[in-house]
Amino acid sequence: MRRGTLERELSVVTGFEEPSPRLEQYPTPADIAAHLLHLADVQGDLDRTVVDLGTGTGMLALGGVLCGAPRVVGIDRDRCALTRARENTRRVNPPTRPEWVCADATALPLTVERSTVVMNPPFGAQHGNEHADRAFLGTTADIAAVSYSIHNAGSHSFVEAFADDHGGDLTHAFAVDLDLPRQFDFHTDDQRRIDAEAYRIEW
């Protein structure tokens, strides 16, 4: 699927009804999701099971289905988020449906080895939640053949070192801008642009 078409298809996906700042529940913008998944498609990485760790309301998982992945599993610990993901499935109306699993993405209760992982994990920006993305990468190293992930700006050295330590090879890295709407009381702007980075790792 063309990147622009994929972005339009995903533009109907809605965000969290009651987002949790503790879980750093921010929506993945449709343009960023389309960028990651289009790259994955071009690289031939969507011909296997796709796992969206911390799927939230389902943006990346639904993009995987629209790109024709044979099986897509969206995993999140928040039942309310998965309810919204199921609602978004009806909005997108893809040819097949993802499997939605309520579980901790850092302690999976199922086996999905040699998968393609796509994820926008918590950055670990909240006090008490530092290095949250490290735990997601740990799961990824256990189950993935290749992964695509979004991290806070300035994470290149950390991600590359983590991949090296776990037998991975960082093949792509590029900057992305996350335009995030105001959704928590401590936000002062109606919308804020966050500098972030996306990575592809072969494991």
N, C-alpha and C. Protein backbone atom coordinates (compact mmCIF):
# COMPACT_ATOMS: atom_id res chain seq x y z
N MET A 1 0.84 -1.19 0.00
CA MET A 1 0.00 0.00 0.00
C MET A 1 0.88 1.25 0.00
N ARG A 2 0.50 2.24 -0.79
CA ARG A 2 1.24 3.50 -0.83
C ARG A 2 1.18 4.19 0.52
N ARG A 3 2.27 4.89 0.85
CA ARG A 3 2.37 5.54 2.16
C ARG A 3 1.25 6.54 2.39
N GLY A 4 0.95 7.37 1.39
CA GLY A 4 -0.11 8.35 1.53
C GLY A 4 -1.47 7.71 1.73
N THR A 5 -1.72 6.62 1.01
CA THR A 5 -2.99 5.91 1.17
C THR A 5 -3.09 5.31 2.56
N LEU A 6 -2.00 4.74 3.04
CA LEU A 6 -2.00 4.15 4.38
C LEU A 6 -2.26 5.21 5.43
N GLU A 7 -1.64 6.37 5.30
CA GLU A 7 -1.88 7.45 6.26
C GLU A 7 -3.35 7.86 6.26
N ARG A 8 -3.96 7.96 5.09
CA ARG A 8 -5.38 8.33 5.03
C ARG A 8 -6.25 7.27 5.69
N GLU A 9 -5.94 6.01 5.45
CA GLU A 9 -6.72 4.92 6.05
C GLU A 9 -6.63 4.95 7.58
N LEU A 10 -5.44 5.31 8.09
CA LEU A 10 -5.21 5.31 9.54
C LEU A 10 -5.68 6.59 10.21
N SER A 11 -6.03 7.60 9.43
CA SER A 11 -6.42 8.89 10.02
C SER A 11 -7.71 8.82 10.82
N VAL A 12 -8.48 7.74 10.65
CA VAL A 12 -9.74 7.61 11.40
C VAL A 12 -9.52 6.99 12.78
N VAL A 13 -8.31 6.51 13.05
CA VAL A 13 -8.01 5.89 14.35
C VAL A 13 -8.04 6.96 15.43
N THR A 14 -8.81 6.72 16.48
CA THR A 14 -8.94 7.69 17.56
C THR A 14 -8.03 7.30 18.73
N GLY A 15 -7.70 8.30 19.56
CA GLY A 15 -6.78 8.10 20.66
C GLY A 15 -7.44 7.61 21.92
N PHE A 16 -6.72 7.76 23.03
CA PHE A 16 -7.17 7.25 24.32
C PHE A 16 -8.33 8.08 24.87
N GLU A 17 -9.30 7.39 25.46
CA GLU A 17 -10.42 8.10 26.09
C GLU A 17 -9.97 8.76 27.39
N GLU A 18 -9.25 8.02 28.23
CA GLU A 18 -8.71 8.55 29.48
C GLU A 18 -7.25 8.12 29.58
N PRO A 19 -6.36 8.83 28.90
CA PRO A 19 -4.94 8.42 28.88
C PRO A 19 -4.30 8.51 30.25
N SER A 20 -3.38 7.60 30.50
CA SER A 20 -2.67 7.56 31.78
C SER A 20 -1.29 8.18 31.64
N PRO A 21 -1.01 9.25 32.40
CA PRO A 21 0.34 9.80 32.35
C PRO A 21 1.38 8.82 32.88
N ARG A 22 1.01 7.99 33.84
CA ARG A 22 1.95 7.01 34.39
C ARG A 22 2.40 6.02 33.32
N LEU A 23 1.48 5.64 32.45
CA LEU A 23 1.81 4.70 31.37
C LEU A 23 2.32 5.43 30.12
N GLU A 24 2.38 6.76 30.19
CA GLU A 24 2.82 7.58 29.06
C GLU A 24 2.02 7.24 27.81
N GLN A 25 0.72 7.29 27.94
CA GLN A 25 -0.16 6.92 26.83
C GLN A 25 -0.40 8.12 25.90
N TYR A 26 0.44 8.20 24.89
CA TYR A 26 0.31 9.20 23.86
C TYR A 26 0.00 8.49 22.54
N PRO A 27 -0.87 9.07 21.73
CA PRO A 27 -1.20 8.41 20.45
C PRO A 27 -0.04 8.48 19.47
N THR A 28 0.08 7.45 18.64
CA THR A 28 1.03 7.48 17.53
C THR A 28 0.36 8.16 16.35
N PRO A 29 0.89 9.27 15.85
CA PRO A 29 0.26 9.96 14.72
C PRO A 29 0.20 9.07 13.48
N ALA A 30 -0.85 9.25 12.69
CA ALA A 30 -1.05 8.42 11.50
C ALA A 30 0.10 8.55 10.51
N ASP A 31 0.68 9.75 10.37
CA ASP A 31 1.76 9.91 9.40
C ASP A 31 3.02 9.16 9.83
N ILE A 32 3.29 9.14 11.13
CA ILE A 32 4.46 8.41 11.63
C ILE A 32 4.25 6.91 11.49
N ALA A 33 3.05 6.45 11.84
CA ALA A 33 2.75 5.03 11.69
C ALA A 33 2.89 4.59 10.23
N ALA A 34 2.37 5.42 9.32
CA ALA A 34 2.46 5.10 7.89
C ALA A 34 3.92 5.06 7.43
N HIS A 35 4.74 5.97 7.94
CA HIS A 35 6.16 6.01 7.59
C HIS A 35 6.85 4.71 8.01
N LEU A 36 6.66 4.30 9.27
CA LEU A 36 7.30 3.09 9.77
C LEU A 36 6.84 1.85 9.01
N LEU A 37 5.54 1.74 8.82
CA LEU A 37 5.01 0.53 8.21
C LEU A 37 5.31 0.47 6.71
N HIS A 38 5.36 1.62 6.06
CA HIS A 38 5.74 1.63 4.65
C HIS A 38 7.18 1.16 4.50
N LEU A 39 8.06 1.63 5.39
CA LEU A 39 9.45 1.17 5.37
C LEU A 39 9.53 -0.33 5.61
N ALA A 40 8.75 -0.81 6.58
CA ALA A 40 8.74 -2.25 6.87
C ALA A 40 8.26 -3.05 5.66
N ASP A 41 7.28 -2.53 4.95
CA ASP A 41 6.75 -3.19 3.77
C ASP A 41 7.80 -3.23 2.67
N VAL A 42 8.47 -2.10 2.43
CA VAL A 42 9.51 -2.02 1.41
C VAL A 42 10.65 -3.00 1.71
N GLN A 43 10.97 -3.15 3.01
CA GLN A 43 12.05 -4.04 3.42
C GLN A 43 11.64 -5.52 3.42
N GLY A 44 10.38 -5.80 3.14
CA GLY A 44 9.90 -7.18 3.14
C GLY A 44 9.69 -7.75 4.52
N ASP A 45 9.49 -6.86 5.51
CA ASP A 45 9.38 -7.31 6.90
C ASP A 45 7.95 -7.57 7.35
N LEU A 46 6.99 -7.42 6.46
CA LEU A 46 5.60 -7.65 6.85
C LEU A 46 5.07 -8.97 6.30
N ASP A 47 5.97 -9.85 5.90
CA ASP A 47 5.57 -11.17 5.40
C ASP A 47 5.49 -12.21 6.51
N ARG A 48 5.72 -11.77 7.74
CA ARG A 48 5.64 -12.67 8.89
C ARG A 48 4.70 -12.06 9.92
N THR A 49 4.52 -12.74 11.05
CA THR A 49 3.69 -12.21 12.13
C THR A 49 4.23 -10.85 12.60
N VAL A 50 3.32 -9.89 12.74
CA VAL A 50 3.66 -8.56 13.23
C VAL A 50 3.12 -8.43 14.65
N VAL A 51 3.96 -7.98 15.57
CA VAL A 51 3.56 -7.80 16.96
C VAL A 51 3.73 -6.33 17.33
N ASP A 52 2.66 -5.72 17.79
CA ASP A 52 2.69 -4.33 18.24
C ASP A 52 2.71 -4.35 19.77
N LEU A 53 3.89 -4.09 20.34
CA LEU A 53 4.05 -4.09 21.79
C LEU A 53 3.59 -2.75 22.37
N GLY A 54 2.66 -2.80 23.32
CA GLY A 54 2.09 -1.56 23.85
C GLY A 54 1.24 -0.89 22.80
N THR A 55 0.34 -1.65 22.23
CA THR A 55 -0.41 -1.19 21.05
C THR A 55 -1.29 0.02 21.32
N GLY A 56 -1.68 0.25 22.58
CA GLY A 56 -2.56 1.39 22.87
C GLY A 56 -3.88 1.24 22.15
N THR A 57 -4.25 2.23 21.34
CA THR A 57 -5.53 2.17 20.64
C THR A 57 -5.41 1.55 19.26
N GLY A 58 -4.27 0.92 18.96
CA GLY A 58 -4.17 0.05 17.80
C GLY A 58 -3.61 0.62 16.52
N MET A 59 -3.03 1.81 16.55
CA MET A 59 -2.60 2.46 15.31
C MET A 59 -1.63 1.60 14.51
N LEU A 60 -0.54 1.13 15.12
CA LEU A 60 0.46 0.38 14.38
C LEU A 60 -0.03 -1.01 13.99
N ALA A 61 -0.78 -1.64 14.88
CA ALA A 61 -1.33 -2.97 14.57
C ALA A 61 -2.27 -2.90 13.38
N LEU A 62 -3.14 -1.90 13.36
CA LEU A 62 -4.08 -1.76 12.25
C LEU A 62 -3.34 -1.42 10.95
N GLY A 63 -2.27 -0.66 11.06
CA GLY A 63 -1.46 -0.40 9.87
C GLY A 63 -0.83 -1.66 9.33
N GLY A 64 -0.41 -2.56 10.23
CA GLY A 64 0.15 -3.82 9.80
C GLY A 64 -0.85 -4.67 9.03
N VAL A 65 -2.09 -4.68 9.51
CA VAL A 65 -3.14 -5.42 8.82
C VAL A 65 -3.40 -4.82 7.43
N LEU A 66 -3.49 -3.48 7.37
CA LEU A 66 -3.75 -2.82 6.10
C LEU A 66 -2.64 -3.08 5.09
N CYS A 67 -1.42 -3.30 5.57
CA CYS A 67 -0.29 -3.58 4.67
C CYS A 67 -0.21 -5.05 4.27
N GLY A 68 -1.12 -5.86 4.79
CA GLY A 68 -1.20 -7.25 4.34
C GLY A 68 -0.41 -8.25 5.14
N ALA A 69 0.02 -7.90 6.35
CA ALA A 69 0.72 -8.88 7.18
C ALA A 69 -0.18 -10.09 7.42
N PRO A 70 0.37 -11.31 7.39
CA PRO A 70 -0.47 -12.51 7.52
C PRO A 70 -1.11 -12.67 8.89
N ARG A 71 -0.46 -12.13 9.92
CA ARG A 71 -1.02 -12.19 11.27
C ARG A 71 -0.50 -10.97 12.03
N VAL A 72 -1.39 -10.30 12.76
CA VAL A 72 -1.00 -9.14 13.56
C VAL A 72 -1.54 -9.31 14.97
N VAL A 73 -0.67 -9.11 15.96
CA VAL A 73 -1.04 -9.22 17.36
C VAL A 73 -0.74 -7.89 18.04
N GLY A 74 -1.76 -7.28 18.63
CA GLY A 74 -1.58 -6.05 19.39
C GLY A 74 -1.67 -6.35 20.87
N ILE A 75 -0.65 -5.96 21.63
CA ILE A 75 -0.56 -6.32 23.05
C ILE A 75 -0.51 -5.06 23.90
N ASP A 76 -1.38 -5.01 24.91
CA ASP A 76 -1.37 -3.88 25.83
C ASP A 76 -1.93 -4.34 27.18
N ARG A 77 -1.45 -3.73 28.24
CA ARG A 77 -1.91 -4.09 29.59
C ARG A 77 -3.19 -3.36 29.98
N ASP A 78 -3.58 -2.35 29.21
CA ASP A 78 -4.73 -1.50 29.54
C ASP A 78 -5.96 -1.98 28.79
N ARG A 79 -6.92 -2.54 29.52
CA ARG A 79 -8.13 -3.07 28.88
C ARG A 79 -8.94 -1.97 28.20
N CYS A 80 -8.94 -0.78 28.77
CA CYS A 80 -9.69 0.33 28.16
C CYS A 80 -9.09 0.71 26.81
N ALA A 81 -7.77 0.70 26.75
CA ALA A 81 -7.11 1.00 25.47
C ALA A 81 -7.47 -0.05 24.43
N LEU A 82 -7.51 -1.31 24.83
CA LEU A 82 -7.85 -2.37 23.88
C LEU A 82 -9.31 -2.29 23.43
N THR A 83 -10.18 -1.81 24.32
CA THR A 83 -11.57 -1.57 23.92
C THR A 83 -11.61 -0.53 22.80
N ARG A 84 -10.82 0.54 22.96
CA ARG A 84 -10.75 1.56 21.91
C ARG A 84 -10.12 0.99 20.64
N ALA A 85 -9.13 0.10 20.79
CA ALA A 85 -8.51 -0.53 19.62
C ALA A 85 -9.54 -1.34 18.83
N ARG A 86 -10.41 -2.03 19.55
CA ARG A 86 -11.46 -2.80 18.86
C ARG A 86 -12.44 -1.86 18.15
N GLU A 87 -12.75 -0.73 18.78
CA GLU A 87 -13.61 0.28 18.13
C GLU A 87 -12.93 0.82 16.88
N ASN A 88 -11.63 1.05 16.98
CA ASN A 88 -10.89 1.55 15.82
C ASN A 88 -10.83 0.52 14.70
N THR A 89 -10.85 -0.76 15.05
CA THR A 89 -10.88 -1.80 14.03
C THR A 89 -12.14 -1.65 13.19
N ARG A 90 -13.25 -1.36 13.84
CA ARG A 90 -14.50 -1.16 13.10
C ARG A 90 -14.44 0.10 12.25
N ARG A 91 -13.75 1.14 12.75
CA ARG A 91 -13.63 2.37 11.97
C ARG A 91 -12.78 2.14 10.71
N VAL A 92 -11.68 1.45 10.87
CA VAL A 92 -10.78 1.22 9.75
C VAL A 92 -11.35 0.17 8.80
N ASN A 93 -12.04 -0.83 9.36
CA ASN A 93 -12.66 -1.90 8.60
C ASN A 93 -11.66 -2.60 7.67
N PRO A 94 -10.58 -3.14 8.25
CA PRO A 94 -9.56 -3.81 7.43
C PRO A 94 -10.06 -5.16 6.93
N PRO A 95 -9.38 -5.72 5.93
CA PRO A 95 -9.82 -7.02 5.37
C PRO A 95 -9.73 -8.16 6.38
N THR A 96 -8.77 -8.10 7.29
CA THR A 96 -8.68 -9.05 8.40
C THR A 96 -8.49 -8.25 9.68
N ARG A 97 -8.63 -8.90 10.82
CA ARG A 97 -8.57 -8.19 12.10
C ARG A 97 -7.35 -8.60 12.91
N PRO A 98 -6.76 -7.64 13.61
CA PRO A 98 -5.67 -8.01 14.52
C PRO A 98 -6.21 -8.86 15.68
N GLU A 99 -5.31 -9.58 16.32
CA GLU A 99 -5.62 -10.24 17.58
C GLU A 99 -5.22 -9.27 18.69
N TRP A 100 -6.14 -9.00 19.60
CA TRP A 100 -5.86 -8.08 20.70
C TRP A 100 -5.64 -8.90 21.97
N VAL A 101 -4.50 -8.70 22.62
CA VAL A 101 -4.13 -9.48 23.80
C VAL A 101 -3.87 -8.52 24.96
N CYS A 102 -4.58 -8.73 26.06
CA CYS A 102 -4.36 -7.92 27.26
C CYS A 102 -3.25 -8.57 28.08
N ALA A 103 -2.08 -7.94 28.06
CA ALA A 103 -0.92 -8.51 28.76
C ALA A 103 0.15 -7.44 28.88
N ASP A 104 1.07 -7.67 29.80
CA ASP A 104 2.22 -6.80 29.97
C ASP A 104 3.20 -7.08 28.83
N ALA A 105 3.49 -6.07 28.03
CA ALA A 105 4.37 -6.25 26.88
C ALA A 105 5.79 -6.61 27.27
N THR A 106 6.14 -6.41 28.54
CA THR A 106 7.49 -6.75 28.98
C THR A 106 7.56 -8.12 29.63
N ALA A 107 6.43 -8.84 29.66
CA ALA A 107 6.39 -10.19 30.23
C ALA A 107 5.32 -10.99 29.49
N LEU A 108 5.57 -11.30 28.24
CA LEU A 108 4.55 -11.88 27.37
C LEU A 108 4.11 -13.27 27.83
N PRO A 109 2.80 -13.52 27.80
CA PRO A 109 2.28 -14.84 28.15
C PRO A 109 2.11 -15.74 26.93
N LEU A 110 2.66 -15.34 25.77
CA LEU A 110 2.49 -16.11 24.55
C LEU A 110 3.81 -16.12 23.78
N THR A 111 3.91 -17.05 22.83
CA THR A 111 5.12 -17.20 22.04
C THR A 111 4.87 -16.70 20.63
N VAL A 112 5.67 -15.74 20.22
CA VAL A 112 5.57 -15.20 18.86
C VAL A 112 7.00 -14.98 18.34
N GLU A 113 7.77 -16.04 18.26
CA GLU A 113 9.17 -15.94 17.90
C GLU A 113 9.35 -15.59 16.43
N ARG A 114 10.48 -14.93 16.13
CA ARG A 114 10.86 -14.53 14.78
C ARG A 114 9.79 -13.66 14.13
N SER A 115 9.25 -12.76 14.90
CA SER A 115 8.21 -11.84 14.41
C SER A 115 8.84 -10.52 13.99
N THR A 116 8.01 -9.67 13.42
CA THR A 116 8.38 -8.28 13.20
C THR A 116 7.69 -7.45 14.27
N VAL A 117 8.45 -6.80 15.12
CA VAL A 117 7.89 -5.97 16.17
C VAL A 117 7.81 -4.53 15.69
N VAL A 118 6.66 -3.91 15.91
CA VAL A 118 6.48 -2.47 15.68
C VAL A 118 6.00 -1.88 17.00
N MET A 119 6.56 -0.76 17.40
CA MET A 119 6.15 -0.24 18.71
C MET A 119 6.53 1.23 18.88
N ASN A 120 5.69 1.88 19.65
CA ASN A 120 5.95 3.23 20.14
C ASN A 120 5.90 3.13 21.66
N PRO A 121 6.97 2.63 22.27
CA PRO A 121 6.94 2.34 23.72
C PRO A 121 7.00 3.62 24.54
N PRO A 122 6.66 3.54 25.82
CA PRO A 122 6.87 4.70 26.69
C PRO A 122 8.34 5.09 26.69
N PHE A 123 8.59 6.39 26.66
CA PHE A 123 9.97 6.87 26.58
C PHE A 123 10.68 6.80 27.94
N GLY A 124 9.91 6.66 29.01
CA GLY A 124 10.52 6.70 30.33
C GLY A 124 10.74 8.12 30.81
N ALA A 125 9.87 9.03 30.36
CA ALA A 125 10.02 10.44 30.71
C ALA A 125 9.39 10.79 32.06
N GLN A 126 8.52 9.93 32.57
CA GLN A 126 7.85 10.20 33.83
C GLN A 126 8.69 9.69 35.01
N HIS A 127 8.66 10.44 36.10
CA HIS A 127 9.39 10.04 37.30
C HIS A 127 8.89 8.67 37.77
N GLY A 128 9.81 7.79 38.04
CA GLY A 128 9.45 6.43 38.45
C GLY A 128 9.29 5.47 37.29
N ASN A 129 9.35 6.00 36.07
CA ASN A 129 9.18 5.15 34.88
C ASN A 129 10.40 5.24 33.96
N GLU A 130 11.54 5.64 34.55
CA GLU A 130 12.74 5.81 33.77
C GLU A 130 13.14 4.49 33.07
N HIS A 131 13.66 4.65 31.85
CA HIS A 131 14.17 3.52 31.06
C HIS A 131 13.07 2.52 30.71
N ALA A 132 11.83 2.99 30.64
CA ALA A 132 10.73 2.08 30.30
C ALA A 132 10.92 1.45 28.93
N ASP A 133 11.52 2.19 27.99
CA ASP A 133 11.71 1.63 26.66
C ASP A 133 12.72 0.48 26.66
N ARG A 134 13.62 0.45 27.64
CA ARG A 134 14.59 -0.64 27.73
C ARG A 134 13.88 -1.99 27.92
N ALA A 135 12.86 -2.02 28.76
CA ALA A 135 12.14 -3.27 29.00
C ALA A 135 11.42 -3.73 27.73
N PHE A 136 10.89 -2.80 26.95
CA PHE A 136 10.23 -3.16 25.70
C PHE A 136 11.26 -3.71 24.71
N LEU A 137 12.43 -3.11 24.66
CA LEU A 137 13.49 -3.63 23.80
C LEU A 137 13.94 -5.01 24.25
N GLY A 138 13.90 -5.26 25.55
CA GLY A 138 14.25 -6.58 26.05
C GLY A 138 13.33 -7.65 25.52
N THR A 139 12.02 -7.38 25.55
CA THR A 139 11.05 -8.32 24.98
C THR A 139 11.29 -8.49 23.49
N THR A 140 11.55 -7.37 22.83
CA THR A 140 11.78 -7.40 21.38
C THR A 140 12.95 -8.30 21.02
N ALA A 141 14.03 -8.18 21.77
CA ALA A 141 15.21 -9.01 21.50
C ALA A 141 14.90 -10.49 21.62
N ASP A 142 13.92 -10.83 22.47
CA ASP A 142 13.56 -12.24 22.68
C ASP A 142 12.69 -12.81 21.57
N ILE A 143 11.87 -11.98 20.92
CA ILE A 143 10.85 -12.51 20.01
C ILE A 143 11.01 -12.09 18.56
N ALA A 144 11.83 -11.07 18.29
CA ALA A 144 11.81 -10.45 16.96
C ALA A 144 12.91 -10.96 16.04
N ALA A 145 12.59 -11.02 14.75
CA ALA A 145 13.59 -11.13 13.71
C ALA A 145 14.04 -9.74 13.30
N VAL A 146 13.12 -8.79 13.38
CA VAL A 146 13.39 -7.40 13.05
C VAL A 146 12.41 -6.54 13.82
N SER A 147 12.81 -5.31 14.13
CA SER A 147 11.90 -4.43 14.87
C SER A 147 11.99 -3.01 14.36
N TYR A 148 10.88 -2.30 14.55
CA TYR A 148 10.77 -0.87 14.27
C TYR A 148 10.24 -0.22 15.53
N SER A 149 10.93 0.79 16.02
CA SER A 149 10.51 1.41 17.28
C SER A 149 10.80 2.89 17.27
N ILE A 150 10.03 3.62 18.09
CA ILE A 150 10.16 5.07 18.24
C ILE A 150 10.66 5.36 19.65
N HIS A 151 11.64 6.25 19.74
CA HIS A 151 12.25 6.59 21.03
C HIS A 151 12.46 8.09 21.13
N ASN A 152 12.73 8.54 22.33
CA ASN A 152 13.01 9.95 22.57
C ASN A 152 14.25 10.37 21.79
N ALA A 153 14.29 11.63 21.39
CA ALA A 153 15.46 12.16 20.70
C ALA A 153 16.70 11.99 21.58
N GLY A 154 17.82 11.68 20.96
CA GLY A 154 19.05 11.47 21.70
C GLY A 154 19.26 10.05 22.16
N SER A 155 18.46 9.11 21.64
CA SER A 155 18.52 7.71 22.09
C SER A 155 19.42 6.84 21.23
N HIS A 156 20.04 7.41 20.20
CA HIS A 156 20.77 6.59 19.24
C HIS A 156 21.84 5.72 19.90
N SER A 157 22.66 6.32 20.74
CA SER A 157 23.75 5.56 21.38
C SER A 157 23.20 4.43 22.24
N PHE A 158 22.13 4.73 22.99
CA PHE A 158 21.52 3.71 23.85
C PHE A 158 20.95 2.56 23.02
N VAL A 159 20.18 2.89 21.98
CA VAL A 159 19.54 1.85 21.17
C VAL A 159 20.59 1.02 20.45
N GLU A 160 21.60 1.67 19.91
CA GLU A 160 22.65 0.93 19.21
C GLU A 160 23.42 0.01 20.16
N ALA A 161 23.74 0.52 21.36
CA ALA A 161 24.45 -0.31 22.33
C ALA A 161 23.60 -1.48 22.80
N PHE A 162 22.29 -1.23 23.02
CA PHE A 162 21.40 -2.31 23.44
C PHE A 162 21.34 -3.38 22.36
N ALA A 163 21.20 -2.96 21.11
CA ALA A 163 21.16 -3.93 20.02
C ALA A 163 22.45 -4.74 19.96
N ASP A 164 23.58 -4.07 20.06
CA ASP A 164 24.87 -4.78 20.02
C ASP A 164 24.98 -5.81 21.15
N ASP A 165 24.52 -5.43 22.33
CA ASP A 165 24.62 -6.33 23.49
C ASP A 165 23.71 -7.54 23.39
N HIS A 166 22.68 -7.45 22.53
CA HIS A 166 21.70 -8.54 22.43
C HIS A 166 21.71 -9.17 21.03
N GLY A 167 22.82 -9.03 20.33
CA GLY A 167 22.97 -9.70 19.04
C GLY A 167 22.23 -9.04 17.90
N GLY A 168 21.87 -7.77 18.07
CA GLY A 168 21.13 -7.06 17.03
C GLY A 168 22.02 -6.15 16.21
N ASP A 169 21.50 -5.73 15.05
CA ASP A 169 22.23 -4.84 14.15
C ASP A 169 21.30 -3.68 13.78
N LEU A 170 21.68 -2.48 14.21
CA LEU A 170 20.90 -1.28 13.90
C LEU A 170 21.14 -0.92 12.44
N THR A 171 20.09 -1.00 11.61
CA THR A 171 20.25 -0.79 10.17
C THR A 171 19.73 0.55 9.69
N HIS A 172 18.73 1.11 10.35
CA HIS A 172 18.14 2.38 9.95
C HIS A 172 17.89 3.23 11.19
N ALA A 173 18.11 4.53 11.05
CA ALA A 173 17.80 5.48 12.12
C ALA A 173 17.44 6.81 11.47
N PHE A 174 16.32 7.39 11.91
CA PHE A 174 15.91 8.66 11.34
C PHE A 174 15.05 9.43 12.33
N ALA A 175 15.07 10.75 12.18
CA ALA A 175 14.31 11.62 13.08
C ALA A 175 12.84 11.65 12.67
N VAL A 176 11.96 11.73 13.68
CA VAL A 176 10.53 11.91 13.44
C VAL A 176 10.02 12.98 14.40
N ASP A 177 9.01 13.71 13.96
CA ASP A 177 8.37 14.72 14.80
C ASP A 177 7.02 14.20 15.24
N LEU A 178 6.81 14.12 16.54
CA LEU A 178 5.53 13.67 17.09
C LEU A 178 4.72 14.90 17.49
N ASP A 179 3.63 15.15 16.79
CA ASP A 179 2.73 16.24 17.15
C ASP A 179 1.68 15.69 18.10
N LEU A 180 1.79 16.06 19.37
CA LEU A 180 0.94 15.49 20.41
C LEU A 180 -0.08 16.50 20.90
N PRO A 181 -1.35 16.10 20.98
CA PRO A 181 -2.38 17.01 21.47
C PRO A 181 -2.31 17.17 22.98
N ARG A 182 -2.89 18.24 23.47
CA ARG A 182 -2.99 18.44 24.92
C ARG A 182 -3.96 17.40 25.48
N GLN A 183 -3.50 16.62 26.47
CA GLN A 183 -4.38 15.59 27.02
C GLN A 183 -4.22 15.39 28.53
N PHE A 184 -3.24 16.06 29.14
CA PHE A 184 -3.07 15.95 30.59
C PHE A 184 -3.11 17.34 31.22
N ASP A 185 -3.46 17.39 32.49
CA ASP A 185 -3.59 18.68 33.18
C ASP A 185 -2.30 19.48 33.20
N PHE A 186 -1.15 18.78 33.21
CA PHE A 186 0.12 19.50 33.29
C PHE A 186 0.58 20.04 31.93
N HIS A 187 -0.16 19.74 30.85
CA HIS A 187 0.18 20.30 29.55
C HIS A 187 -0.27 21.75 29.48
N THR A 188 0.58 22.60 28.93
CA THR A 188 0.26 24.03 28.85
C THR A 188 -0.08 24.48 27.43
N ASP A 189 0.25 23.67 26.44
CA ASP A 189 -0.04 24.02 25.05
C ASP A 189 -1.11 23.09 24.49
N ASP A 190 -1.90 23.61 23.54
CA ASP A 190 -2.93 22.79 22.90
C ASP A 190 -2.31 21.65 22.10
N GLN A 191 -1.13 21.91 21.56
CA GLN A 191 -0.41 20.87 20.83
C GLN A 191 1.08 21.13 20.99
N ARG A 192 1.83 20.04 21.11
CA ARG A 192 3.26 20.17 21.29
C ARG A 192 3.99 19.21 20.37
N ARG A 193 5.06 19.70 19.76
CA ARG A 193 5.88 18.86 18.89
C ARG A 193 7.04 18.29 19.69
N ILE A 194 7.17 16.96 19.65
CA ILE A 194 8.23 16.26 20.36
C ILE A 194 9.23 15.71 19.36
N ASP A 195 10.50 16.02 19.57
CA ASP A 195 11.54 15.44 18.74
C ASP A 195 11.75 13.98 19.15
N ALA A 196 11.68 13.10 18.19
CA ALA A 196 11.86 11.66 18.47
C ALA A 196 12.69 11.04 17.37
N GLU A 197 12.99 9.77 17.55
CA GLU A 197 13.80 9.03 16.58
C GLU A 197 13.20 7.65 16.37
N ALA A 198 13.30 7.15 15.16
CA ALA A 198 12.81 5.80 14.82
C ALA A 198 13.98 4.93 14.38
N TYR A 199 13.88 3.65 14.73
CA TYR A 199 14.99 2.73 14.47
C TYR A 199 14.47 1.41 13.90
N ARG A 200 15.25 0.84 12.99
CA ARG A 200 15.04 -0.53 12.53
C ARG A 200 16.24 -1.36 12.99
N ILE A 201 15.95 -2.48 13.63
CA ILE A 201 17.00 -3.36 14.13
C ILE A 201 16.73 -4.78 13.62
N GLU A 202 17.76 -5.41 13.10
CA GLU A 202 17.70 -6.83 12.77
C GLU A 202 18.29 -7.61 13.94
N TRP A 203 17.55 -8.60 14.44
CA TRP A 203 17.96 -9.35 15.62
C TRP A 203 18.48 -10.73 15.25
